[in-house]
């Protein structure tokens, strides 16, 4: 079973302009390097939350430490080298990118609040209803 941990090397949050009108937030993770270290994989990454149009950006760089079977880790290093430092096996890449995004978006929510940018993900909203009215499906999973 795969075990993944994360270590941040740098965290940067910049606000270029005041948010106004419609804002788009793009969250993206990029794997920058893969190497074997003490029987594990050390996978470098860059995560960015970019606020458009030209509102701000949060950038986090770091490493994920991956422990998996010897066979899977060797396959990952070979795929990385064979692809010109661009790809990992799809199952591993998916798990690692999801791990990076989950952890970094959590950090970005706090950083965005500190520099008065909107949250990079939609936050749950409370919908108050009259108890006498019939329950209505709000389309939200949180009630």
Protein backbone atom coordinates (compact mmCIF):
# COMPACT_ATOMS: atom_id res chain seq x y z
CA UNK A 1 0.00 0.00 0.00
CA UNK A 2 1.27 3.44 -0.94
CA UNK A 3 2.17 5.91 1.83
CA UNK A 4 2.66 9.57 0.98
CA UNK A 5 3.84 12.49 3.11
CA UNK A 6 4.56 16.09 2.19
CA UNK A 7 7.18 18.69 3.08
CA UNK A 8 6.94 22.30 1.92
CA UNK A 9 10.11 24.12 0.82
CA UNK A 10 8.57 27.50 0.01
CA UNK A 11 5.21 29.21 0.30
CA UNK A 12 4.48 32.46 -1.49
CA UNK A 13 1.23 34.46 -1.58
CA UNK A 14 0.87 37.59 -3.70
CA UNK A 15 -2.04 39.96 -4.25
CA UNK A 16 -1.62 42.08 -7.36
CA UNK A 17 -5.00 43.83 -7.49
CA UNK A 18 -8.23 44.07 -5.51
CA UNK A 19 -10.73 41.36 -6.44
CA UNK A 20 -13.66 42.82 -8.41
CA UNK A 21 -16.36 41.20 -10.46
CA UNK A 22 -16.03 37.66 -11.75
CA UNK A 23 -12.86 35.86 -10.60
CA UNK A 24 -11.50 32.56 -11.86
CA UNK A 25 -9.21 30.48 -9.65
CA UNK A 26 -7.08 27.82 -11.33
CA UNK A 27 -5.44 25.23 -9.06
CA UNK A 28 -2.61 23.26 -10.64
CA UNK A 29 0.09 20.87 -9.47
CA UNK A 30 3.22 20.03 -11.45
CA UNK A 31 5.73 17.31 -10.65
CA UNK A 32 9.21 18.76 -11.10
CA UNK A 33 11.57 15.88 -10.23
CA UNK A 34 11.63 12.26 -9.13
CA UNK A 35 14.50 10.52 -7.37
CA UNK A 36 15.22 7.55 -5.13
CA UNK A 37 16.27 8.50 -1.60
CA UNK A 38 16.84 5.93 1.15
CA UNK A 39 14.48 3.33 -0.32
CA UNK A 40 11.69 5.83 -1.03
CA UNK A 41 10.74 8.20 -3.81
CA UNK A 42 11.26 11.91 -3.34
CA UNK A 43 8.95 13.72 -5.76
CA UNK A 44 9.35 17.47 -6.14
CA UNK A 45 6.31 19.57 -6.97
CA UNK A 46 5.03 23.06 -7.57
CA UNK A 47 1.44 23.96 -6.74
CA UNK A 48 -0.20 27.19 -7.89
CA UNK A 49 -3.55 28.82 -7.25
CA UNK A 50 -3.80 31.56 -9.84
CA UNK A 51 -6.52 34.21 -9.45
CA UNK A 52 -7.60 35.72 -12.77
CA UNK A 53 -7.83 38.31 -14.17
CA UNK A 54 -4.43 39.27 -12.68
CA UNK A 55 -5.68 39.34 -9.06
CA UNK A 56 -3.11 37.21 -7.26
CA UNK A 57 -1.30 33.92 -6.91
CA UNK A 58 -0.36 31.41 -4.24
CA UNK A 59 2.63 29.20 -5.01
CA UNK A 60 3.86 26.28 -2.90
CA UNK A 61 6.90 24.16 -3.69
CA UNK A 62 7.96 21.06 -1.88
CA UNK A 63 8.49 17.32 -1.93
CA UNK A 64 6.24 14.35 -1.44
CA UNK A 65 7.90 11.30 0.06
CA UNK A 66 6.40 8.11 -1.34
CA UNK A 67 6.74 4.63 0.12
CA UNK A 68 5.44 1.80 -2.06
CA UNK A 69 6.51 -1.60 -3.29
CA UNK A 70 10.01 -1.78 -4.73
CA UNK A 71 8.53 -2.81 -8.07
CA UNK A 72 6.21 0.21 -8.30
CA UNK A 73 8.89 2.67 -7.23
CA UNK A 74 11.35 1.29 -9.78
CA UNK A 75 8.66 1.47 -12.48
CA UNK A 76 8.00 5.11 -11.54
CA UNK A 77 11.66 6.09 -11.85
CA UNK A 78 11.98 4.30 -15.21
CA UNK A 79 8.81 5.95 -16.57
CA UNK A 80 10.04 9.37 -15.37
CA UNK A 81 13.42 8.92 -17.06
CA UNK A 82 11.95 7.38 -20.25
CA UNK A 83 9.44 10.24 -20.68
CA UNK A 84 12.09 12.96 -20.42
CA UNK A 85 11.14 13.90 -16.84
CA UNK A 86 7.45 14.44 -17.65
CA UNK A 87 5.41 11.37 -16.61
CA UNK A 88 4.85 8.85 -13.86
CA UNK A 89 2.70 5.72 -14.18
CA UNK A 90 -0.92 6.95 -14.35
CA UNK A 91 -2.12 5.28 -11.13
CA UNK A 92 0.76 6.73 -9.12
CA UNK A 93 0.55 10.15 -10.79
CA UNK A 94 -3.16 10.39 -10.02
CA UNK A 95 -2.67 9.52 -6.36
CA UNK A 96 0.25 11.92 -5.93
CA UNK A 97 -1.44 14.86 -7.70
CA UNK A 98 -4.61 14.36 -5.62
CA UNK A 99 -2.49 14.29 -2.44
CA UNK A 100 -0.62 17.46 -3.44
CA UNK A 101 -3.80 19.32 -4.40
CA UNK A 102 -5.68 18.28 -1.25
CA UNK A 103 -2.84 19.42 1.04
CA UNK A 104 -1.95 22.59 -0.85
CA UNK A 105 -5.53 23.81 -1.34
CA UNK A 106 -5.99 23.47 2.42
CA UNK A 107 -2.95 25.72 2.97
CA UNK A 108 -4.09 28.10 0.23
CA UNK A 109 -7.47 28.69 1.90
CA UNK A 110 -5.64 30.08 4.95
CA UNK A 111 -3.08 32.06 2.94
CA UNK A 112 -5.78 33.60 0.73
CA UNK A 113 -7.68 34.75 3.81
CA UNK A 114 -4.53 36.41 5.17
CA UNK A 115 -4.04 38.55 2.04
CA UNK A 116 -7.80 39.11 1.46
CA UNK A 117 -8.22 36.92 -1.61
CA UNK A 118 -11.29 34.73 -2.05
CA UNK A 119 -11.05 31.07 -1.08
CA UNK A 120 -9.60 28.94 -3.91
CA UNK A 121 -12.51 26.51 -3.52
CA UNK A 122 -16.23 27.12 -2.93
CA UNK A 123 -17.07 27.19 0.75
CA UNK A 124 -20.25 25.55 2.10
CA UNK A 125 -23.18 27.91 2.65
CA UNK A 126 -25.98 27.67 5.18
CA UNK A 127 -29.49 27.90 3.75
CA UNK A 128 -32.04 28.82 6.44
CA UNK A 129 -35.57 27.58 5.78
CA UNK A 130 -38.97 28.13 7.28
CA UNK A 131 -39.78 25.02 9.33
CA UNK A 132 -43.40 25.21 8.21
CA UNK A 133 -42.49 24.90 4.55
CA UNK A 134 -41.94 21.56 2.89
CA UNK A 135 -38.29 20.45 2.62
CA UNK A 136 -36.78 21.44 -0.67
CA UNK A 137 -33.75 19.88 -2.33
CA UNK A 138 -31.04 22.57 -2.41
CA UNK A 139 -28.56 20.56 -4.44
CA UNK A 140 -26.06 20.93 -1.59
CA UNK A 141 -24.63 17.92 0.13
CA UNK A 142 -24.40 19.82 3.44
CA UNK A 143 -27.62 20.56 5.24
